[in-house]
Amino acid sequence: MRNSILALLALLALLAVEIGVSFIPFNPTARPLILIPALVMLGVIVSAFMQVGRGPVTVRLFAAAGALWLLILLALGSLDPLTRVAYPIRARD
């Protein structure tokens, strides 16, 4: 029970960090740094609650495959906002 409570407190602290950092005005190129607390949260959840390290090899394989596909989906989803360019439109006289 103690490990679950420590993991919960770590998740709450990381949530507070993520919310606090989201109010800081970042340069658009530095915005992906906001994902670092979320990735640490993912690590806490996988290690503390899901106990992937204690499972058989098949469980670790499927967890790694899920993380890989999540990374691929996040990368593809972030391509549009990160590469979007606002082209100015000239007004007609």
PDB file of N, CA and C in Angstrom:
ATOM      1  N   MET A   1       0.824  -1.194   0.000  1.00  0.00           N
ATOM      2  CA  MET A   1       0.000   0.000   0.000  1.00  0.00           C
ATOM      3  C   MET A   1       0.871   1.262   0.000  1.00  0.00           C
ATOM      4  N   ARG A   2       2.030   1.163   0.661  1.00  0.00           N
ATOM      5  CA  ARG A   2       2.903   2.324   0.755  1.00  0.00           C
ATOM      6  C   ARG A   2       3.408   2.750  -0.623  1.00  0.00           C
ATOM      7  N   ASN A   3       3.755   1.772  -1.471  1.00  0.00           N
ATOM      8  CA  ASN A   3       4.244   2.095  -2.808  1.00  0.00           C
ATOM      9  C   ASN A   3       3.158   2.764  -3.654  1.00  0.00           C
ATOM     10  N   SER A   4       1.925   2.326  -3.501  1.00  0.00           N
ATOM     11  CA  SER A   4       0.826   2.929  -4.254  1.00  0.00           C
ATOM     12  C   SER A   4       0.599   4.378  -3.836  1.00  0.00           C
ATOM     13  N   ILE A   5       0.704   4.641  -2.557  1.00  0.00           N
ATOM     14  CA  ILE A   5       0.509   6.010  -2.073  1.00  0.00           C
ATOM     15  C   ILE A   5       1.661   6.905  -2.538  1.00  0.00           C
ATOM     16  N   LEU A   6       2.887   6.377  -2.500  1.00  0.00           N
ATOM     17  CA  LEU A   6       4.026   7.160  -2.994  1.00  0.00           C
ATOM     18  C   LEU A   6       3.897   7.431  -4.488  1.00  0.00           C
ATOM     19  N   ALA A   7       3.434   6.446  -5.237  1.00  0.00           N
ATOM     20  CA  ALA A   7       3.244   6.649  -6.675  1.00  0.00           C
ATOM     21  C   ALA A   7       2.150   7.684  -6.929  1.00  0.00           C
ATOM     22  N   LEU A   8       1.082   7.631  -6.149  1.00  0.00           N
ATOM     23  CA  LEU A   8       0.012   8.609  -6.293  1.00  0.00           C
ATOM     24  C   LEU A   8       0.501  10.018  -5.973  1.00  0.00           C
ATOM     25  N   LEU A   9       1.290  10.155  -4.915  1.00  0.00           N
ATOM     26  CA  LEU A   9       1.836  11.474  -4.572  1.00  0.00           C
ATOM     27  C   LEU A   9       2.794  11.971  -5.655  1.00  0.00           C
ATOM     28  N   ALA A  10       3.578  11.067  -6.239  1.00  0.00           N
ATOM     29  CA  ALA A  10       4.470  11.451  -7.334  1.00  0.00           C
ATOM     30  C   ALA A  10       3.662  11.915  -8.543  1.00  0.00           C
ATOM     31  N   LEU A  11       2.579  11.209  -8.840  1.00  0.00           N
ATOM     32  CA  LEU A  11       1.726  11.604  -9.968  1.00  0.00           C
ATOM     33  C   LEU A  11       1.080  12.963  -9.727  1.00  0.00           C
ATOM     34  N   LEU A  12       0.642  13.208  -8.508  1.00  0.00           N
ATOM     35  CA  LEU A  12       0.038  14.506  -8.197  1.00  0.00           C
ATOM     36  C   LEU A  12       1.065  15.630  -8.283  1.00  0.00           C
ATOM     37  N   ALA A  13       2.296  15.364  -7.820  1.00  0.00           N
ATOM     38  CA  ALA A  13       3.343  16.379  -7.921  1.00  0.00           C
ATOM     39  C   ALA A  13       3.692  16.658  -9.384  1.00  0.00           C
ATOM     40  N   LEU A  14       3.767  15.608 -10.195  1.00  0.00           N
ATOM     41  CA  LEU A  14       4.049  15.807 -11.616  1.00  0.00           C
ATOM     42  C   LEU A  14       2.908  16.531 -12.318  1.00  0.00           C
ATOM     43  N   LEU A  15       1.680  16.271 -11.903  1.00  0.00           N
ATOM     44  CA  LEU A  15       0.543  16.996 -12.466  1.00  0.00           C
ATOM     45  C   LEU A  15       0.629  18.476 -12.122  1.00  0.00           C
ATOM     46  N   ALA A  16       1.004  18.780 -10.880  1.00  0.00           N
ATOM     47  CA  ALA A  16       1.158  20.184 -10.487  1.00  0.00           C
ATOM     48  C   ALA A  16       2.267  20.855 -11.296  1.00  0.00           C
ATOM     49  N   VAL A  17       3.359  20.141 -11.529  1.00  0.00           N
ATOM     50  CA  VAL A  17       4.450  20.692 -12.338  1.00  0.00           C
ATOM     51  C   VAL A  17       3.980  20.940 -13.760  1.00  0.00           C
ATOM     52  N   GLU A  18       3.253  19.982 -14.324  1.00  0.00           N
ATOM     53  CA  GLU A  18       2.789  20.130 -15.701  1.00  0.00           C
ATOM     54  C   GLU A  18       1.804  21.284 -15.846  1.00  0.00           C
ATOM     55  N   ILE A  19       0.902  21.426 -14.909  1.00  0.00           N
ATOM     56  CA  ILE A  19      -0.057  22.530 -14.968  1.00  0.00           C
ATOM     57  C   ILE A  19       0.669  23.863 -14.765  1.00  0.00           C
ATOM     58  N   GLY A  20       1.608  23.902 -13.832  1.00  0.00           N
ATOM     59  CA  GLY A  20       2.347  25.142 -13.598  1.00  0.00           C
ATOM     60  C   GLY A  20       3.187  25.557 -14.793  1.00  0.00           C
ATOM     61  N   VAL A  21       3.817  24.606 -15.439  1.00  0.00           N
ATOM     62  CA  VAL A  21       4.656  24.912 -16.592  1.00  0.00           C
ATOM     63  C   VAL A  21       3.810  25.330 -17.789  1.00  0.00           C
ATOM     64  N   SER A  22       2.585  24.862 -17.862  1.00  0.00           N
ATOM     65  CA  SER A  22       1.748  25.207 -19.011  1.00  0.00           C
ATOM     66  C   SER A  22       1.359  26.686 -19.027  1.00  0.00           C
ATOM     67  N   PHE A  23       1.468  27.367 -17.900  1.00  0.00           N
ATOM     68  CA  PHE A  23       1.150  28.792 -17.862  1.00  0.00           C
ATOM     69  C   PHE A  23       2.333  29.676 -18.232  1.00  0.00           C
ATOM     70  N   ILE A  24       3.510  29.097 -18.356  1.00  0.00           N
ATOM     71  CA  ILE A  24       4.692  29.871 -18.728  1.00  0.00           C
ATOM     72  C   ILE A  24       4.701  30.046 -20.245  1.00  0.00           C
ATOM     73  N   PRO A  25       4.829  31.275 -20.734  1.00  0.00           N
ATOM     74  CA  PRO A  25       4.864  31.468 -22.184  1.00  0.00           C
ATOM     75  C   PRO A  25       6.194  30.973 -22.766  1.00  0.00           C
ATOM     76  N   PHE A  26       6.108  29.913 -23.560  1.00  0.00           N
ATOM     77  CA  PHE A  26       7.287  29.315 -24.177  1.00  0.00           C
ATOM     78  C   PHE A  26       7.421  29.754 -25.624  1.00  0.00           C
ATOM     79  N   ASN A  27       8.626  29.691 -26.112  1.00  0.00           N
ATOM     80  CA  ASN A  27       8.870  29.805 -27.534  1.00  0.00           C
ATOM     81  C   ASN A  27       8.245  28.571 -28.192  1.00  0.00           C
ATOM     82  N   PRO A  28       7.630  28.695 -29.360  1.00  0.00           N
ATOM     83  CA  PRO A  28       6.984  27.521 -29.967  1.00  0.00           C
ATOM     84  C   PRO A  28       7.916  26.334 -30.175  1.00  0.00           C
ATOM     85  N   THR A  29       9.197  26.566 -30.318  1.00  0.00           N
ATOM     86  CA  THR A  29      10.108  25.439 -30.496  1.00  0.00           C
ATOM     87  C   THR A  29      10.372  24.701 -29.193  1.00  0.00           C
ATOM     88  N   ALA A  30      10.099  25.323 -28.055  1.00  0.00           N
ATOM     89  CA  ALA A  30      10.335  24.690 -26.757  1.00  0.00           C
ATOM     90  C   ALA A  30       9.084  24.047 -26.177  1.00  0.00           C
ATOM     91  N   ARG A  31       7.965  24.125 -26.863  1.00  0.00           N
ATOM     92  CA  ARG A  31       6.726  23.556 -26.336  1.00  0.00           C
ATOM     93  C   ARG A  31       6.754  22.049 -26.129  1.00  0.00           C
ATOM     94  N   PRO A  32       7.475  21.281 -26.938  1.00  0.00           N
ATOM     95  CA  PRO A  32       7.532  19.839 -26.657  1.00  0.00           C
ATOM     96  C   PRO A  32       8.162  19.494 -25.309  1.00  0.00           C
ATOM     97  N   LEU A  33       8.858  20.427 -24.680  1.00  0.00           N
ATOM     98  CA  LEU A  33       9.425  20.165 -23.358  1.00  0.00           C
ATOM     99  C   LEU A  33       8.352  19.965 -22.299  1.00  0.00           C
ATOM    100  N   ILE A  34       7.138  20.444 -22.576  1.00  0.00           N
ATOM    101  CA  ILE A  34       6.035  20.256 -21.638  1.00  0.00           C
ATOM    102  C   ILE A  34       5.671  18.780 -21.537  1.00  0.00           C
ATOM    103  N   LEU A  35       6.043  17.990 -22.524  1.00  0.00           N
ATOM    104  CA  LEU A  35       5.729  16.563 -22.505  1.00  0.00           C
ATOM    105  C   LEU A  35       6.605  15.765 -21.548  1.00  0.00           C
ATOM    106  N   ILE A  36       7.692  16.344 -21.074  1.00  0.00           N
ATOM    107  CA  ILE A  36       8.598  15.602 -20.194  1.00  0.00           C
ATOM    108  C   ILE A  36       7.897  15.143 -18.912  1.00  0.00           C
ATOM    109  N   PRO A  37       7.142  16.003 -18.195  1.00  0.00           N
ATOM    110  CA  PRO A  37       6.434  15.486 -17.012  1.00  0.00           C
ATOM    111  C   PRO A  37       5.415  14.396 -17.359  1.00  0.00           C
ATOM    112  N   ALA A  38       4.806  14.484 -18.529  1.00  0.00           N
ATOM    113  CA  ALA A  38       3.846  13.450 -18.923  1.00  0.00           C
ATOM    114  C   ALA A  38       4.547  12.118 -19.154  1.00  0.00           C
ATOM    115  N   LEU A  39       5.729  12.142 -19.739  1.00  0.00           N
ATOM    116  CA  LEU A  39       6.474  10.902 -19.942  1.00  0.00           C
ATOM    117  C   LEU A  39       6.937  10.310 -18.616  1.00  0.00           C
ATOM    118  N   VAL A  40       7.303  11.161 -17.666  1.00  0.00           N
ATOM    119  CA  VAL A  40       7.673  10.661 -16.342  1.00  0.00           C
ATOM    120  C   VAL A  40       6.447  10.053 -15.658  1.00  0.00           C
ATOM    121  N   MET A  41       5.273  10.672 -15.855  1.00  0.00           N
ATOM    122  CA  MET A  41       4.034  10.098 -15.326  1.00  0.00           C
ATOM    123  C   MET A  41       3.778   8.706 -15.901  1.00  0.00           C
ATOM    124  N   LEU A  42       4.001   8.580 -17.187  1.00  0.00           N
ATOM    125  CA  LEU A  42       3.838   7.285 -17.834  1.00  0.00           C
ATOM    126  C   LEU A  42       4.765   6.246 -17.215  1.00  0.00           C
ATOM    127  N   GLY A  43       5.998   6.637 -16.956  1.00  0.00           N
ATOM    128  CA  GLY A  43       6.937   5.719 -16.316  1.00  0.00           C
ATOM    129  C   GLY A  43       6.501   5.302 -14.921  1.00  0.00           C
ATOM    130  N   VAL A  44       5.955   6.258 -14.149  1.00  0.00           N
ATOM    131  CA  VAL A  44       5.474   5.936 -12.801  1.00  0.00           C
ATOM    132  C   VAL A  44       4.304   4.968 -12.872  1.00  0.00           C
ATOM    133  N   ILE A  45       3.394   5.209 -13.788  1.00  0.00           N
ATOM    134  CA  ILE A  45       2.223   4.338 -13.917  1.00  0.00           C
ATOM    135  C   ILE A  45       2.636   2.938 -14.341  1.00  0.00           C
ATOM    136  N   VAL A  46       3.537   2.851 -15.320  1.00  0.00           N
ATOM    137  CA  VAL A  46       3.957   1.538 -15.812  1.00  0.00           C
ATOM    138  C   VAL A  46       4.702   0.760 -14.737  1.00  0.00           C
ATOM    139  N   SER A  47       5.568   1.439 -13.997  1.00  0.00           N
ATOM    140  CA  SER A  47       6.364   0.711 -13.017  1.00  0.00           C
ATOM    141  C   SER A  47       5.613   0.436 -11.716  1.00  0.00           C
ATOM    142  N   ALA A  48       4.804   1.371 -11.253  1.00  0.00           N
ATOM    143  CA  ALA A  48       4.162   1.214  -9.949  1.00  0.00           C
ATOM    144  C   ALA A  48       2.823   0.490 -10.023  1.00  0.00           C
ATOM    145  N   PHE A  49       1.964   0.908 -10.925  1.00  0.00           N
ATOM    146  CA  PHE A  49       0.616   0.353 -10.937  1.00  0.00           C
ATOM    147  C   PHE A  49       0.474  -0.863 -11.847  1.00  0.00           C
ATOM    148  N   MET A  50       1.092  -0.805 -13.014  1.00  0.00           N
ATOM    149  CA  MET A  50       0.957  -1.924 -13.954  1.00  0.00           C
ATOM    150  C   MET A  50       1.944  -3.045 -13.661  1.00  0.00           C
ATOM    151  N   GLN A  51       3.029  -2.761 -12.970  1.00  0.00           N
ATOM    152  CA  GLN A  51       4.052  -3.731 -12.585  1.00  0.00           C
ATOM    153  C   GLN A  51       4.526  -4.543 -13.786  1.00  0.00           C
ATOM    154  N   VAL A  52       4.868  -3.828 -14.837  1.00  0.00           N
ATOM    155  CA  VAL A  52       5.306  -4.470 -16.072  1.00  0.00           C
ATOM    156  C   VAL A  52       6.627  -5.207 -15.852  1.00  0.00           C
ATOM    157  N   GLY A  53       7.495  -4.687 -15.021  1.00  0.00           N
ATOM    158  CA  GLY A  53       8.788  -5.324 -14.788  1.00  0.00           C
ATOM    159  C   GLY A  53       8.695  -6.687 -14.127  1.00  0.00           C
ATOM    160  N   ARG A  54       7.615  -6.952 -13.424  1.00  0.00           N
ATOM    161  CA  ARG A  54       7.458  -8.233 -12.736  1.00  0.00           C
ATOM    162  C   ARG A  54       6.751  -9.284 -13.573  1.00  0.00           C
ATOM    163  N   GLY A  55       6.209  -8.876 -14.708  1.00  0.00           N
ATOM    164  CA  GLY A  55       5.461  -9.801 -15.543  1.00  0.00           C
ATOM    165  C   GLY A  55       6.365 -10.636 -16.429  1.00  0.00           C
ATOM    166  N   PRO A  56       5.761 -11.593 -17.125  1.00  0.00           N
ATOM    167  CA  PRO A  56       6.554 -12.404 -18.047  1.00  0.00           C
ATOM    168  C   PRO A  56       7.025 -11.582 -19.249  1.00  0.00           C
ATOM    169  N   VAL A  57       7.855 -12.190 -20.062  1.00  0.00           N
ATOM    170  CA  VAL A  57       8.453 -11.503 -21.207  1.00  0.00           C
ATOM    171  C   VAL A  57       7.374 -11.030 -22.174  1.00  0.00           C
ATOM    172  N   THR A  58       6.310 -11.784 -22.321  1.00  0.00           N
ATOM    173  CA  THR A  58       5.237 -11.405 -23.240  1.00  0.00           C
ATOM    174  C   THR A  58       4.585 -10.088 -22.816  1.00  0.00           C
ATOM    175  N   VAL A  59       4.403  -9.910 -21.522  1.00  0.00           N
ATOM    176  CA  VAL A  59       3.801  -8.672 -21.022  1.00  0.00           C
ATOM    177  C   VAL A  59       4.709  -7.490 -21.332  1.00  0.00           C
ATOM    178  N   ARG A  60       6.008  -7.646 -21.121  1.00  0.00           N
ATOM    179  CA  ARG A  60       6.946  -6.567 -21.412  1.00  0.00           C
ATOM    180  C   ARG A  60       6.997  -6.271 -22.902  1.00  0.00           C
ATOM    181  N   LEU A  61       6.894  -7.320 -23.714  1.00  0.00           N
ATOM    182  CA  LEU A  61       6.907  -7.130 -25.164  1.00  0.00           C
ATOM    183  C   LEU A  61       5.692  -6.328 -25.625  1.00  0.00           C
ATOM    184  N   PHE A  62       4.516  -6.688 -25.124  1.00  0.00           N
ATOM    185  CA  PHE A  62       3.307  -5.966 -25.506  1.00  0.00           C
ATOM    186  C   PHE A  62       3.305  -4.541 -24.955  1.00  0.00           C
ATOM    187  N   ALA A  63       3.850  -4.331 -23.758  1.00  0.00           N
ATOM    188  CA  ALA A  63       3.943  -2.971 -23.213  1.00  0.00           C
ATOM    189  C   ALA A  63       4.886  -2.124 -24.053  1.00  0.00           C
ATOM    190  N   ALA A  64       5.995  -2.710 -24.482  1.00  0.00           N
ATOM    191  CA  ALA A  64       6.931  -1.970 -25.335  1.00  0.00           C
ATOM    192  C   ALA A  64       6.311  -1.672 -26.694  1.00  0.00           C
ATOM    193  N   ALA A  65       5.553  -2.617 -27.244  1.00  0.00           N
ATOM    194  CA  ALA A  65       4.890  -2.380 -28.529  1.00  0.00           C
ATOM    195  C   ALA A  65       3.844  -1.276 -28.403  1.00  0.00           C
ATOM    196  N   GLY A  66       3.106  -1.276 -27.311  1.00  0.00           N
ATOM    197  CA  GLY A  66       2.123  -0.217 -27.086  1.00  0.00           C
ATOM    198  C   GLY A  66       2.773   1.142 -26.951  1.00  0.00           C
ATOM    199  N   ALA A  67       3.902   1.194 -26.231  1.00  0.00           N
ATOM    200  CA  ALA A  67       4.625   2.462 -26.093  1.00  0.00           C
ATOM    201  C   ALA A  67       5.181   2.924 -27.433  1.00  0.00           C
ATOM    202  N   LEU A  68       5.645   1.979 -28.243  1.00  0.00           N
ATOM    203  CA  LEU A  68       6.161   2.336 -29.567  1.00  0.00           C
ATOM    204  C   LEU A  68       5.055   2.929 -30.437  1.00  0.00           C
ATOM    205  N   TRP A  69       3.898   2.296 -30.457  1.00  0.00           N
ATOM    206  CA  TRP A  69       2.794   2.817 -31.273  1.00  0.00           C
ATOM    207  C   TRP A  69       2.283   4.149 -30.737  1.00  0.00           C
ATOM    208  N   LEU A  70       2.283   4.318 -29.426  1.00  0.00           N
ATOM    209  CA  LEU A  70       1.900   5.609 -28.859  1.00  0.00           C
ATOM    210  C   LEU A  70       2.875   6.692 -29.290  1.00  0.00           C
ATOM    211  N   LEU A  71       4.159   6.375 -29.291  1.00  0.00           N
ATOM    212  CA  LEU A  71       5.172   7.328 -29.745  1.00  0.00           C
ATOM    213  C   LEU A  71       4.980   7.670 -31.218  1.00  0.00           C
ATOM    214  N   ILE A  72       4.683   6.669 -32.035  1.00  0.00           N
ATOM    215  CA  ILE A  72       4.447   6.914 -33.460  1.00  0.00           C
ATOM    216  C   ILE A  72       3.224   7.810 -33.656  1.00  0.00           C
ATOM    217  N   LEU A  73       2.143   7.527 -32.945  1.00  0.00           N
ATOM    218  CA  LEU A  73       0.931   8.341 -33.082  1.00  0.00           C
ATOM    219  C   LEU A  73       1.149   9.769 -32.603  1.00  0.00           C
ATOM    220  N   LEU A  74       1.877   9.944 -31.502  1.00  0.00           N
ATOM    221  CA  LEU A  74       2.158  11.300 -31.028  1.00  0.00           C
ATOM    222  C   LEU A  74       3.051  12.052 -32.005  1.00  0.00           C
ATOM    223  N   ALA A  75       4.010  11.362 -32.590  1.00  0.00           N
ATOM    224  CA  ALA A  75       4.889  12.010 -33.563  1.00  0.00           C
ATOM    225  C   ALA A  75       4.114  12.425 -34.806  1.00  0.00           C
ATOM    226  N   LEU A  76       3.268  11.547 -35.309  1.00  0.00           N
ATOM    227  CA  LEU A  76       2.480  11.893 -36.494  1.00  0.00           C
ATOM    228  C   LEU A  76       1.463  12.996 -36.192  1.00  0.00           C
ATOM    229  N   GLY A  77       0.874  12.959 -35.008  1.00  0.00           N
ATOM    230  CA  GLY A  77      -0.093  13.989 -34.637  1.00  0.00           C
ATOM    231  C   GLY A  77       0.532  15.345 -34.407  1.00  0.00           C
ATOM    232  N   SER A  78       1.796  15.371 -34.004  1.00  0.00           N
ATOM    233  CA  SER A  78       2.443  16.659 -33.758  1.00  0.00           C
ATOM    234  C   SER A  78       3.099  17.231 -35.009  1.00  0.00           C
ATOM    235  N   LEU A  79       3.154  16.481 -36.078  1.00  0.00           N
ATOM    236  CA  LEU A  79       3.769  17.004 -37.306  1.00  0.00           C
ATOM    237  C   LEU A  79       3.009  18.206 -37.853  1.00  0.00           C
ATOM    238  N   ASP A  80       1.692  18.170 -37.825  1.00  0.00           N
ATOM    239  CA  ASP A  80       0.912  19.279 -38.371  1.00  0.00           C
ATOM    240  C   ASP A  80       1.128  20.576 -37.597  1.00  0.00           C
ATOM    241  N   PRO A  81       0.936  20.603 -36.265  1.00  0.00           N
ATOM    242  CA  PRO A  81       1.138  21.879 -35.576  1.00  0.00           C
ATOM    243  C   PRO A  81       2.586  22.363 -35.584  1.00  0.00           C
ATOM    244  N   LEU A  82       3.533  21.439 -35.604  1.00  0.00           N
ATOM    245  CA  LEU A  82       4.932  21.860 -35.561  1.00  0.00           C
ATOM    246  C   LEU A  82       5.445  22.356 -36.906  1.00  0.00           C
ATOM    247  N   THR A  83       4.805  21.950 -37.992  1.00  0.00           N
ATOM    248  CA  THR A  83       5.278  22.356 -39.311  1.00  0.00           C
ATOM    249  C   THR A  83       4.341  23.340 -40.000  1.00  0.00           C
ATOM    250  N   ARG A  84       3.308  23.778 -39.337  1.00  0.00           N
ATOM    251  CA  ARG A  84       2.354  24.708 -39.945  1.00  0.00           C
ATOM    252  C   ARG A  84       2.970  26.098 -40.048  1.00  0.00           C
ATOM    253  N   VAL A  85       2.786  26.705 -41.187  1.00  0.00           N
ATOM    254  CA  VAL A  85       3.311  28.045 -41.437  1.00  0.00           C
ATOM    255  C   VAL A  85       2.136  28.947 -41.801  1.00  0.00           C
ATOM    256  N   ALA A  86       2.087  30.118 -41.195  1.00  0.00           N
ATOM    257  CA  ALA A  86       1.030  31.076 -41.506  1.00  0.00           C
ATOM    258  C   ALA A  86       1.510  31.955 -42.656  1.00  0.00           C
ATOM    259  N   TYR A  87       0.897  31.804 -43.820  1.00  0.00           N
ATOM    260  CA  TYR A  87       1.252  32.606 -44.976  1.00  0.00           C
ATOM    261  C   TYR A  87       0.413  33.870 -44.987  1.00  0.00           C
ATOM    262  N   PRO A  88       1.049  35.031 -45.100  1.00  0.00           N
ATOM    263  CA  PRO A  88       0.274  36.284 -45.118  1.00  0.00           C
ATOM    264  C   PRO A  88      -0.491  36.409 -46.426  1.00  0.00           C
ATOM    265  N   ILE A  89      -1.685  36.961 -46.310  1.00  0.00           N
ATOM    266  CA  ILE A  89      -2.536  37.184 -47.494  1.00  0.00           C
ATOM    267  C   ILE A  89      -2.618  38.675 -47.711  1.00  0.00           C
ATOM    268  N   ARG A  90      -2.297  39.079 -48.937  1.00  0.00           N
ATOM    269  CA  ARG A  90      -2.370  40.503 -49.257  1.00  0.00           C
ATOM    270  C   ARG A  90      -3.833  40.881 -49.507  1.00  0.00           C
ATOM    271  N   ALA A  91      -4.199  42.025 -48.984  1.00  0.00           N
ATOM    272  CA  ALA A  91      -5.537  42.532 -49.209  1.00  0.00           C
ATOM    273  C   ALA A  91      -5.611  43.168 -50.591  1.00  0.00           C
ATOM    274  N   ARG A  92      -6.735  43.006 -51.260  1.00  0.00           N
ATOM    275  CA  ARG A  92      -6.936  43.647 -52.573  1.00  0.00           C
ATOM    276  C   ARG A  92      -7.269  45.114 -52.381  1.00  0.00           C
ATOM    277  N   ASP A  93      -6.734  45.899 -53.268  1.00  0.00           N
ATOM    278  CA  ASP A  93      -7.002  47.355 -53.205  1.00  0.00           C
ATOM    279  C   ASP A  93      -8.188  47.721 -54.033  1.00  0.00           C
TER     280      ASP A  93
END
